[in-house]
Every structure is written in structure tokens, then in C-alpha cells.
Amino acid sequence: SGGGLVQAGDSLRLSCATSGGTISNYHMAWFRQGPGR
């Protein structure tokens, strides 16, 4: 969560809430997929 529409130069903070497991037991990552990519 945490996405939105911003202008160039702005900041955003994304969050990833987890359940059914403990993040300390996993390697965690962010990926992205742009239009047509």
C-alpha cells in the first residue's frame, strides 16, 4: 500500500504488511513493473 499520484521530485513511502509469517524469517524485496515492461 501507499502508492499514489505525485509530481517529479516528490516522495512516497510504500508499506508491505505481512501475515501468516514473520518477516524476520524471509528475505524481503520490492519489485516494480512499468507500462509495457
PDB file of all heavy atoms in Angstrom:
ATOM      1  N   SER A   1       0.851  -1.190   0.000  1.00  0.00           N
ATOM      2  CA  SER A   1       0.000   0.000   0.000  1.00  0.00           C
ATOM      3  C   SER A   1       0.883   1.234   0.000  1.00  0.00           C
ATOM      4  O   SER A   1       2.098   1.148   0.172  1.00  0.00           O
ATOM      5  CB  SER A   1      -0.922   0.000   1.224  1.00  0.00           C
ATOM      6  OG  SER A   1      -0.154   0.060   2.417  1.00  0.00           O
ATOM      7  N   GLY A   2       0.240   2.395  -0.190  1.00  0.00           N
ATOM      8  CA  GLY A   2       0.962   3.647  -0.103  1.00  0.00           C
ATOM      9  C   GLY A   2       1.238   4.329  -1.427  1.00  0.00           C
ATOM     10  O   GLY A   2       1.799   5.421  -1.467  1.00  0.00           O
ATOM     11  N   GLY A   3       0.845   3.690  -2.519  1.00  0.00           N
ATOM     12  CA  GLY A   3       1.065   4.304  -3.822  1.00  0.00           C
ATOM     13  C   GLY A   3       0.165   5.505  -4.042  1.00  0.00           C
ATOM     14  O   GLY A   3      -0.724   5.789  -3.235  1.00  0.00           O
ATOM     15  N   GLY A   4       0.407   6.198  -5.138  1.00  0.00           N
ATOM     16  CA  GLY A   4      -0.410   7.348  -5.453  1.00  0.00           C
ATOM     17  C   GLY A   4       0.146   8.119  -6.626  1.00  0.00           C
ATOM     18  O   GLY A   4       1.093   7.679  -7.287  1.00  0.00           O
ATOM     19  N   LEU A   5      -0.454   9.268  -6.863  1.00  0.00           N
ATOM     20  CA  LEU A   5      -0.038  10.164  -7.939  1.00  0.00           C
ATOM     21  C   LEU A   5       0.738  11.322  -7.328  1.00  0.00           C
ATOM     22  O   LEU A   5       0.196  12.034  -6.469  1.00  0.00           O
ATOM     23  CB  LEU A   5      -1.258  10.675  -8.702  1.00  0.00           C
ATOM     24  CG  LEU A   5      -1.012  11.769  -9.745  1.00  0.00           C
ATOM     25  CD1 LEU A   5      -0.095  11.265 -10.849  1.00  0.00           C
ATOM     26  CD2 LEU A   5      -2.337  12.257 -10.325  1.00  0.00           C
ATOM     27  N   VAL A   6       1.979  11.499  -7.743  1.00  0.00           N
ATOM     28  CA  VAL A   6       2.816  12.570  -7.227  1.00  0.00           C
ATOM     29  C   VAL A   6       3.531  13.266  -8.381  1.00  0.00           C
ATOM     30  O   VAL A   6       3.498  12.791  -9.516  1.00  0.00           O
ATOM     31  CB  VAL A   6       3.862  12.052  -6.217  1.00  0.00           C
ATOM     32  CG1 VAL A   6       3.180  11.443  -5.000  1.00  0.00           C
ATOM     33  CG2 VAL A   6       4.794  11.033  -6.887  1.00  0.00           C
ATOM     34  N   GLN A   7       4.172  14.368  -8.068  1.00  0.00           N
ATOM     35  CA  GLN A   7       4.941  15.090  -9.074  1.00  0.00           C
ATOM     36  C   GLN A   7       6.418  14.713  -8.968  1.00  0.00           C
ATOM     37  O   GLN A   7       6.886  14.255  -7.907  1.00  0.00           O
ATOM     38  CB  GLN A   7       4.768  16.588  -8.885  1.00  0.00           C
ATOM     39  CG  GLN A   7       3.354  17.081  -9.166  1.00  0.00           C
ATOM     40  CD  GLN A   7       3.258  18.601  -9.124  1.00  0.00           C
ATOM     41  OE1 GLN A   7       4.004  19.258  -8.408  1.00  0.00           O
ATOM     42  NE2 GLN A   7       2.337  19.152  -9.896  1.00  0.00           N
ATOM     43  N   ALA A   8       7.130  14.928 -10.038  1.00  0.00           N
ATOM     44  CA  ALA A   8       8.568  14.668 -10.037  1.00  0.00           C
ATOM     45  C   ALA A   8       9.230  15.442  -8.901  1.00  0.00           C
ATOM     46  O   ALA A   8       8.913  16.609  -8.683  1.00  0.00           O
ATOM     47  CB  ALA A   8       9.175  15.054 -11.375  1.00  0.00           C
ATOM     48  N   GLY A   9      10.120  14.758  -8.192  1.00  0.00           N
ATOM     49  CA  GLY A   9      10.802  15.369  -7.069  1.00  0.00           C
ATOM     50  C   GLY A   9      10.148  15.094  -5.725  1.00  0.00           C
ATOM     51  O   GLY A   9      10.771  15.312  -4.674  1.00  0.00           O
ATOM     52  N   ASP A  10       8.916  14.609  -5.753  1.00  0.00           N
ATOM     53  CA  ASP A  10       8.208  14.304  -4.503  1.00  0.00           C
ATOM     54  C   ASP A  10       8.690  12.995  -3.896  1.00  0.00           C
ATOM     55  O   ASP A  10       9.496  12.264  -4.491  1.00  0.00           O
ATOM     56  CB  ASP A  10       6.702  14.229  -4.765  1.00  0.00           C
ATOM     57  CG  ASP A  10       6.072  15.589  -4.954  1.00  0.00           C
ATOM     58  OD1 ASP A  10       6.754  16.600  -4.717  1.00  0.00           O
ATOM     59  OD2 ASP A  10       4.886  15.629  -5.347  1.00  0.00           O
ATOM     60  N   SER A  11       8.140  12.695  -2.716  1.00  0.00           N
ATOM     61  CA  SER A  11       8.471  11.460  -2.006  1.00  0.00           C
ATOM     62  C   SER A  11       7.206  10.666  -1.715  1.00  0.00           C
ATOM     63  O   SER A  11       6.109  11.231  -1.612  1.00  0.00           O
ATOM     64  CB  SER A  11       9.181  11.770  -0.687  1.00  0.00           C
ATOM     65  OG  SER A  11      10.405  12.446  -0.901  1.00  0.00           O
ATOM     66  N   LEU A  12       7.378   9.363  -1.572  1.00  0.00           N
ATOM     67  CA  LEU A  12       6.312   8.462  -1.150  1.00  0.00           C
ATOM     68  C   LEU A  12       6.931   7.379  -0.290  1.00  0.00           C
ATOM     69  O   LEU A  12       8.096   7.032  -0.488  1.00  0.00           O
ATOM     70  CB  LEU A  12       5.635   7.787  -2.351  1.00  0.00           C
ATOM     71  CG  LEU A  12       4.475   8.459  -3.065  1.00  0.00           C
ATOM     72  CD1 LEU A  12       4.033   7.584  -4.242  1.00  0.00           C
ATOM     73  CD2 LEU A  12       3.313   8.723  -2.136  1.00  0.00           C
ATOM     74  N   ARG A  13       6.140   6.839   0.623  1.00  0.00           N
ATOM     75  CA  ARG A  13       6.589   5.678   1.373  1.00  0.00           C
ATOM     76  C   ARG A  13       5.598   4.544   1.162  1.00  0.00           C
ATOM     77  O   ARG A  13       4.411   4.693   1.483  1.00  0.00           O
ATOM     78  CB  ARG A  13       6.739   5.963   2.861  1.00  0.00           C
ATOM     79  CG  ARG A  13       7.384   4.786   3.604  1.00  0.00           C
ATOM     80  CD  ARG A  13       7.593   5.057   5.076  1.00  0.00           C
ATOM     81  NE  ARG A  13       6.366   4.921   5.841  1.00  0.00           N
ATOM     82  CZ  ARG A  13       6.329   4.708   7.153  1.00  0.00           C
ATOM     83  NH1 ARG A  13       7.468   4.605   7.832  1.00  0.00           N
ATOM     84  NH2 ARG A  13       5.176   4.609   7.786  1.00  0.00           N
ATOM     85  N   LEU A  14       6.063   3.459   0.620  1.00  0.00           N
ATOM     86  CA  LEU A  14       5.249   2.269   0.439  1.00  0.00           C
ATOM     87  C   LEU A  14       5.392   1.366   1.654  1.00  0.00           C
ATOM     88  O   LEU A  14       6.461   1.304   2.273  1.00  0.00           O
ATOM     89  CB  LEU A  14       5.668   1.506  -0.814  1.00  0.00           C
ATOM     90  CG  LEU A  14       5.683   2.299  -2.118  1.00  0.00           C
ATOM     91  CD1 LEU A  14       6.040   1.365  -3.275  1.00  0.00           C
ATOM     92  CD2 LEU A  14       4.376   2.995  -2.371  1.00  0.00           C
ATOM     93  N   SER A  15       4.311   0.670   1.968  1.00  0.00           N
ATOM     94  CA  SER A  15       4.328  -0.294   3.069  1.00  0.00           C
ATOM     95  C   SER A  15       3.935  -1.664   2.546  1.00  0.00           C
ATOM     96  O   SER A  15       3.131  -1.770   1.613  1.00  0.00           O
ATOM     97  CB  SER A  15       3.340   0.127   4.164  1.00  0.00           C
ATOM     98  OG  SER A  15       3.673   1.388   4.701  1.00  0.00           O
ATOM     99  N   CYS A  16       4.493  -2.681   3.146  1.00  0.00           N
ATOM    100  CA  CYS A  16       4.136  -4.058   2.826  1.00  0.00           C
ATOM    101  C   CYS A  16       3.810  -4.752   4.126  1.00  0.00           C
ATOM    102  O   CYS A  16       4.714  -5.086   4.903  1.00  0.00           O
ATOM    103  CB  CYS A  16       5.268  -4.757   2.090  1.00  0.00           C
ATOM    104  SG  CYS A  16       4.957  -6.509   1.748  1.00  0.00           S
ATOM    105  N   ALA A  17       2.529  -4.949   4.376  1.00  0.00           N
ATOM    106  CA  ALA A  17       2.091  -5.637   5.586  1.00  0.00           C
ATOM    107  C   ALA A  17       2.061  -7.138   5.327  1.00  0.00           C
ATOM    108  O   ALA A  17       1.599  -7.576   4.273  1.00  0.00           O
ATOM    109  CB  ALA A  17       0.712  -5.144   5.999  1.00  0.00           C
ATOM    110  N   THR A  18       2.541  -7.891   6.276  1.00  0.00           N
ATOM    111  CA  THR A  18       2.592  -9.337   6.093  1.00  0.00           C
ATOM    112  C   THR A  18       1.757 -10.040   7.163  1.00  0.00           C
ATOM    113  O   THR A  18       1.574  -9.526   8.267  1.00  0.00           O
ATOM    114  CB  THR A  18       4.034  -9.853   6.153  1.00  0.00           C
ATOM    115  OG1 THR A  18       4.542  -9.632   7.472  1.00  0.00           O
ATOM    116  CG2 THR A  18       4.914  -9.132   5.155  1.00  0.00           C
ATOM    117  N   SER A  19       1.259 -11.208   6.811  1.00  0.00           N
ATOM    118  CA  SER A  19       0.527 -12.047   7.751  1.00  0.00           C
ATOM    119  C   SER A  19       0.805 -13.505   7.421  1.00  0.00           C
ATOM    120  O   SER A  19       1.218 -13.825   6.301  1.00  0.00           O
ATOM    121  CB  SER A  19      -0.975 -11.763   7.678  1.00  0.00           C
ATOM    122  OG  SER A  19      -1.460 -12.013   6.379  1.00  0.00           O
ATOM    123  N   GLY A  20       0.619 -14.363   8.407  1.00  0.00           N
ATOM    124  CA  GLY A  20       0.864 -15.777   8.187  1.00  0.00           C
ATOM    125  C   GLY A  20       2.325 -16.153   8.210  1.00  0.00           C
ATOM    126  O   GLY A  20       2.681 -17.282   7.847  1.00  0.00           O
ATOM    127  N   GLY A  21       3.161 -15.222   8.581  1.00  0.00           N
ATOM    128  CA  GLY A  21       4.587 -15.487   8.646  1.00  0.00           C
ATOM    129  C   GLY A  21       5.292 -14.322   9.290  1.00  0.00           C
ATOM    130  O   GLY A  21       4.708 -13.251   9.455  1.00  0.00           O
ATOM    131  N   THR A  22       6.546 -14.491   9.603  1.00  0.00           N
ATOM    132  CA  THR A  22       7.336 -13.457  10.251  1.00  0.00           C
ATOM    133  C   THR A  22       8.408 -12.979   9.288  1.00  0.00           C
ATOM    134  O   THR A  22       9.189 -13.785   8.773  1.00  0.00           O
ATOM    135  CB  THR A  22       7.995 -14.011  11.527  1.00  0.00           C
ATOM    136  OG1 THR A  22       6.975 -14.537  12.389  1.00  0.00           O
ATOM    137  CG2 THR A  22       8.751 -12.925  12.260  1.00  0.00           C
ATOM    138  N   ILE A  23       8.454 -11.662   9.049  1.00  0.00           N
ATOM    139  CA  ILE A  23       9.374 -11.153   8.030  1.00  0.00           C
ATOM    140  C   ILE A  23      10.819 -11.434   8.381  1.00  0.00           C
ATOM    141  O   ILE A  23      11.672 -11.508   7.496  1.00  0.00           O
ATOM    142  CB  ILE A  23       9.167  -9.649   7.757  1.00  0.00           C
ATOM    143  CG1 ILE A  23       9.425  -8.815   9.001  1.00  0.00           C
ATOM    144  CG2 ILE A  23       7.790  -9.391   7.198  1.00  0.00           C
ATOM    145  CD1 ILE A  23       9.451  -7.316   8.734  1.00  0.00           C
ATOM    146  N   SER A  24      11.096 -11.613   9.681  1.00  0.00           N
ATOM    147  CA  SER A  24      12.480 -11.878  10.066  1.00  0.00           C
ATOM    148  C   SER A  24      12.960 -13.233   9.542  1.00  0.00           C
ATOM    149  O   SER A  24      14.159 -13.486   9.494  1.00  0.00           O
ATOM    150  CB  SER A  24      12.640 -11.806  11.581  1.00  0.00           C
ATOM    151  OG  SER A  24      11.787 -12.735  12.212  1.00  0.00           O
ATOM    152  N   ASN A  25      12.024 -14.076   9.132  1.00  0.00           N
ATOM    153  CA  ASN A  25      12.388 -15.397   8.609  1.00  0.00           C
ATOM    154  C   ASN A  25      12.565 -15.417   7.091  1.00  0.00           C
ATOM    155  O   ASN A  25      12.895 -16.458   6.525  1.00  0.00           O
ATOM    156  CB  ASN A  25      11.314 -16.425   8.976  1.00  0.00           C
ATOM    157  CG  ASN A  25      11.257 -16.681  10.463  1.00  0.00           C
ATOM    158  OD1 ASN A  25      12.253 -16.535  11.164  1.00  0.00           O
ATOM    159  ND2 ASN A  25      10.091 -17.062  10.958  1.00  0.00           N
ATOM    160  N   TYR A  26      12.332 -14.277   6.448  1.00  0.00           N
ATOM    161  CA  TYR A  26      12.377 -14.214   4.990  1.00  0.00           C
ATOM    162  C   TYR A  26      13.295 -13.102   4.505  1.00  0.00           C
ATOM    163  O   TYR A  26      13.465 -12.080   5.166  1.00  0.00           O
ATOM    164  CB  TYR A  26      10.974 -13.962   4.424  1.00  0.00           C
ATOM    165  CG  TYR A  26       9.995 -15.071   4.690  1.00  0.00           C
ATOM    166  CD1 TYR A  26       9.211 -15.076   5.839  1.00  0.00           C
ATOM    167  CD2 TYR A  26       9.852 -16.125   3.789  1.00  0.00           C
ATOM    168  CE1 TYR A  26       8.323 -16.100   6.089  1.00  0.00           C
ATOM    169  CE2 TYR A  26       8.957 -17.150   4.034  1.00  0.00           C
ATOM    170  CZ  TYR A  26       8.198 -17.129   5.179  1.00  0.00           C
ATOM    171  OH  TYR A  26       7.320 -18.148   5.427  1.00  0.00           O
ATOM    172  N   HIS A  27      13.850 -13.321   3.316  1.00  0.00           N
ATOM    173  CA  HIS A  27      14.455 -12.217   2.575  1.00  0.00           C
ATOM    174  C   HIS A  27      13.297 -11.457   1.954  1.00  0.00           C
ATOM    175  O   HIS A  27      12.395 -12.058   1.375  1.00  0.00           O
ATOM    176  CB  HIS A  27      15.355 -12.737   1.451  1.00  0.00           C
ATOM    177  CG  HIS A  27      16.301 -13.817   1.859  1.00  0.00           C
ATOM    178  ND1 HIS A  27      17.271 -13.646   2.818  1.00  0.00           N
ATOM    179  CD2 HIS A  27      16.429 -15.103   1.422  1.00  0.00           C
ATOM    180  CE1 HIS A  27      17.963 -14.774   2.957  1.00  0.00           C
ATOM    181  NE2 HIS A  27      17.480 -15.672   2.125  1.00  0.00           N
ATOM    182  N   MET A  28      13.330 -10.144   2.052  1.00  0.00           N
ATOM    183  CA  MET A  28      12.219  -9.345   1.577  1.00  0.00           C
ATOM    184  C   MET A  28      12.685  -8.384   0.481  1.00  0.00           C
ATOM    185  O   MET A  28      13.831  -7.894   0.544  1.00  0.00           O
ATOM    186  CB  MET A  28      11.602  -8.538   2.719  1.00  0.00           C
ATOM    187  CG  MET A  28      11.078  -9.372   3.875  1.00  0.00           C
ATOM    188  SD  MET A  28       9.704 -10.450   3.405  1.00  0.00           S
ATOM    189  CE  MET A  28       8.475  -9.238   2.927  1.00  0.00           C
ATOM    190  N   ALA A  29      11.803  -8.096  -0.462  1.00  0.00           N
ATOM    191  CA  ALA A  29      12.210  -7.259  -1.590  1.00  0.00           C
ATOM    192  C   ALA A  29      11.031  -6.473  -2.151  1.00  0.00           C
ATOM    193  O   ALA A  29       9.872  -6.805  -1.906  1.00  0.00           O
ATOM    194  CB  ALA A  29      12.818  -8.118  -2.694  1.00  0.00           C
ATOM    195  N   TRP A  30      11.381  -5.457  -2.897  1.00  0.00           N
ATOM    196  CA  TRP A  30      10.430  -4.698  -3.708  1.00  0.00           C
ATOM    197  C   TRP A  30      10.830  -4.845  -5.177  1.00  0.00           C
ATOM    198  O   TRP A  30      12.012  -4.746  -5.522  1.00  0.00           O
ATOM    199  CB  TRP A  30      10.426  -3.219  -3.341  1.00  0.00           C
ATOM    200  CG  TRP A  30       9.803  -2.923  -2.018  1.00  0.00           C
ATOM    201  CD1 TRP A  30      10.431  -2.810  -0.813  1.00  0.00           C
ATOM    202  CD2 TRP A  30       8.415  -2.685  -1.760  1.00  0.00           C
ATOM    203  NE1 TRP A  30       9.520  -2.529   0.181  1.00  0.00           N
ATOM    204  CE2 TRP A  30       8.282  -2.436  -0.374  1.00  0.00           C
ATOM    205  CE3 TRP A  30       7.270  -2.648  -2.553  1.00  0.00           C
ATOM    206  CZ2 TRP A  30       7.053  -2.171   0.224  1.00  0.00           C
ATOM    207  CZ3 TRP A  30       6.046  -2.376  -1.963  1.00  0.00           C
ATOM    208  CH2 TRP A  30       5.938  -2.139  -0.596  1.00  0.00           C
ATOM    209  N   PHE A  31       9.834  -5.070  -6.004  1.00  0.00           N
ATOM    210  CA  PHE A  31       9.986  -5.070  -7.450  1.00  0.00           C
ATOM    211  C   PHE A  31       8.986  -4.072  -8.024  1.00  0.00           C
ATOM    212  O   PHE A  31       8.080  -3.615  -7.328  1.00  0.00           O
ATOM    213  CB  PHE A  31       9.700  -6.461  -8.020  1.00  0.00           C
ATOM    214  CG  PHE A  31      10.776  -7.474  -7.733  1.00  0.00           C
ATOM    215  CD1 PHE A  31      10.873  -8.076  -6.494  1.00  0.00           C
ATOM    216  CD2 PHE A  31      11.689  -7.835  -8.719  1.00  0.00           C
ATOM    217  CE1 PHE A  31      11.873  -9.010  -6.223  1.00  0.00           C
ATOM    218  CE2 PHE A  31      12.681  -8.779  -8.461  1.00  0.00           C
ATOM    219  CZ  PHE A  31      12.772  -9.352  -7.221  1.00  0.00           C
ATOM    220  N   ARG A  32       9.141  -3.774  -9.297  1.00  0.00           N
ATOM    221  CA  ARG A  32       8.168  -2.900  -9.949  1.00  0.00           C
ATOM    222  C   ARG A  32       7.987  -3.317 -11.400  1.00  0.00           C
ATOM    223  O   ARG A  32       8.877  -3.950 -11.994  1.00  0.00           O
ATOM    224  CB  ARG A  32       8.604  -1.434  -9.864  1.00  0.00           C
ATOM    225  CG  ARG A  32       9.834  -1.092 -10.691  1.00  0.00           C
ATOM    226  CD  ARG A  32      10.266   0.344 -10.430  1.00  0.00           C
ATOM    227  NE  ARG A  32      11.358   0.755 -11.312  1.00  0.00           N
ATOM    228  CZ  ARG A  32      11.993   1.926 -11.207  1.00  0.00           C
ATOM    229  NH1 ARG A  32      11.643   2.793 -10.259  1.00  0.00           N
ATOM    230  NH2 ARG A  32      12.963   2.215 -12.049  1.00  0.00           N
ATOM    231  N   GLN A  33       6.848  -2.948 -11.935  1.00  0.00           N
ATOM    232  CA  GLN A  33       6.561  -3.235 -13.339  1.00  0.00           C
ATOM    233  C   GLN A  33       5.904  -2.029 -13.960  1.00  0.00           C
ATOM    234  O   GLN A  33       4.766  -1.675 -13.615  1.00  0.00           O
ATOM    235  CB  GLN A  33       5.669  -4.463 -13.466  1.00  0.00           C
ATOM    236  CG  GLN A  33       5.489  -4.940 -14.886  1.00  0.00           C
ATOM    237  CD  GLN A  33       4.931  -6.345 -14.953  1.00  0.00           C
ATOM    238  OE1 GLN A  33       4.441  -6.899 -13.964  1.00  0.00           O
ATOM    239  NE2 GLN A  33       5.002  -6.964 -16.118  1.00  0.00           N
ATOM    240  N   GLY A  34       6.646  -1.384 -14.873  1.00  0.00           N
ATOM    241  CA  GLY A  34       6.132  -0.228 -15.567  1.00  0.00           C
ATOM    242  C   GLY A  34       5.338  -0.622 -16.795  1.00  0.00           C
ATOM    243  O   GLY A  34       5.382  -1.785 -17.222  1.00  0.00           O
ATOM    244  N   PRO A  35       4.633   0.318 -17.403  1.00  0.00           N
ATOM    245  CA  PRO A  35       3.818   0.030 -18.591  1.00  0.00           C
ATOM    246  C   PRO A  35       4.664  -0.583 -19.710  1.00  0.00           C
ATOM    247  O   PRO A  35       5.676  -0.004 -20.111  1.00  0.00           O
ATOM    248  CB  PRO A  35       3.282   1.405 -18.984  1.00  0.00           C
ATOM    249  CG  PRO A  35       3.383   2.244 -17.754  1.00  0.00           C
ATOM    250  CD  PRO A  35       4.567   1.731 -17.002  1.00  0.00           C
ATOM    251  N   GLY A  36       4.249  -1.753 -20.171  1.00  0.00           N
ATOM    252  CA  GLY A  36       4.948  -2.404 -21.261  1.00  0.00           C
ATOM    253  C   GLY A  36       6.315  -2.943 -20.918  1.00  0.00           C
ATOM    254  O   GLY A  36       7.102  -3.277 -21.813  1.00  0.00           O
ATOM    255  N   ARG A  37       6.606  -3.047 -19.636  1.00  0.00           N
ATOM    256  CA  ARG A  37       7.934  -3.510 -19.211  1.00  0.00           C
ATOM    257  C   ARG A  37       7.817  -4.773 -18.378  1.00  0.00           C
ATOM    258  O   ARG A  37       6.771  -5.088 -17.822  1.00  0.00           O
ATOM    259  CB  ARG A  37       8.627  -2.427 -18.393  1.00  0.00           C
ATOM    260  CG  ARG A  37       8.841  -1.122 -19.134  1.00  0.00           C
ATOM    261  CD  ARG A  37       9.366  -0.054 -18.188  1.00  0.00           C
ATOM    262  NE  ARG A  37      10.685  -0.392 -17.671  1.00  0.00           N
ATOM    263  CZ  ARG A  37      11.814  -0.027 -18.246  1.00  0.00           C
ATOM    264  NH1 ARG A  37      11.795   0.661 -19.368  1.00  0.00           N
ATOM    265  NH2 ARG A  37      12.973  -0.343 -17.700  1.00  0.00           N
TER     266      ARG A  37
END
